[in-house]
């Protein structure tokens, strides 16, 4: 196993469609500015309710990326 060093950041993605889409948006946005993304951990899920229905989802993630040598 390699001796890499990792850093993690916390970000929140959102979507009116669902939790999976909120996660996908968060990872896609992080990949625009961070390199060597390796993992994510879902730390919380919350949402907005409107007219008795779920209107919006938010997924907060820790995203881990490998630091360059």
Protein backbone atom coordinates (compact mmCIF):
# COMPACT_ATOMS: atom_id res chain seq x y z
CA UNK A 1 0.00 0.00 0.00
CA UNK A 2 1.29 3.44 -0.88
CA UNK A 3 2.06 6.05 1.73
CA UNK A 4 -0.21 8.83 0.53
CA UNK A 5 -1.41 11.79 2.56
CA UNK A 6 -5.02 12.89 2.23
CA UNK A 7 -6.98 16.04 2.98
CA UNK A 8 -10.74 16.31 3.28
CA UNK A 9 -13.14 19.18 2.75
CA UNK A 10 -16.82 19.45 3.64
CA UNK A 11 -19.29 20.61 1.02
CA UNK A 12 -23.06 20.54 0.57
CA UNK A 13 -24.80 19.70 -2.69
CA UNK A 14 -28.46 20.38 -3.33
CA UNK A 15 -31.13 19.16 -5.71
CA UNK A 16 -34.91 19.24 -6.04
CA UNK A 17 -34.72 15.70 -7.49
CA UNK A 18 -33.18 13.61 -4.70
CA UNK A 19 -30.29 12.81 -2.40
CA UNK A 20 -28.30 10.95 -5.06
CA UNK A 21 -28.48 13.94 -7.39
CA UNK A 22 -27.38 16.27 -4.57
CA UNK A 23 -24.37 14.03 -3.91
CA UNK A 24 -23.54 13.86 -7.62
CA UNK A 25 -23.66 17.66 -7.91
CA UNK A 26 -21.39 18.12 -4.91
CA UNK A 27 -18.79 15.68 -6.24
CA UNK A 28 -18.96 17.14 -9.76
CA UNK A 29 -18.44 20.68 -8.45
CA UNK A 30 -15.54 19.62 -6.21
CA UNK A 31 -13.87 17.87 -9.15
CA UNK A 32 -13.78 21.19 -11.04
CA UNK A 33 -11.20 22.64 -8.63
CA UNK A 34 -9.70 19.68 -6.74
CA UNK A 35 -7.50 16.92 -8.12
CA UNK A 36 -7.08 13.30 -7.03
CA UNK A 37 -10.54 12.90 -5.47
CA UNK A 38 -10.65 9.43 -3.90
CA UNK A 39 -13.63 9.11 -1.56
CA UNK A 40 -16.63 10.75 0.04
CA UNK A 41 -18.50 10.29 3.29
CA UNK A 42 -22.13 11.37 3.62
CA UNK A 43 -22.31 13.27 6.91
CA UNK A 44 -25.86 14.62 6.83
CA UNK A 45 -29.03 14.85 4.79
CA UNK A 46 -31.65 17.51 5.19
CA UNK A 47 -34.37 19.02 3.07
CA UNK A 48 -37.04 21.60 2.59
CA UNK A 49 -40.74 20.85 2.84
CA UNK A 50 -43.29 22.87 0.87
CA UNK A 51 -47.03 22.22 0.76
CA UNK A 52 -46.62 18.99 2.69
CA UNK A 53 -44.09 17.53 0.23
CA UNK A 54 -40.33 17.31 0.01
CA UNK A 55 -39.30 20.22 -2.21
CA UNK A 56 -35.51 20.15 -2.01
CA UNK A 57 -32.71 17.89 -0.74
CA UNK A 58 -29.32 18.85 0.69
CA UNK A 59 -26.48 16.35 1.17
CA UNK A 60 -23.39 17.32 3.15
CA UNK A 61 -20.26 15.34 2.34
CA UNK A 62 -16.67 15.06 3.40
CA UNK A 63 -14.67 14.64 0.21
CA UNK A 64 -11.16 13.20 0.45
CA UNK A 65 -8.39 13.88 -1.99
CA UNK A 66 -4.79 12.77 -2.18
CA UNK A 67 -2.13 15.45 -1.75
CA UNK A 68 0.50 15.58 -4.48
CA UNK A 69 4.00 14.39 -3.65
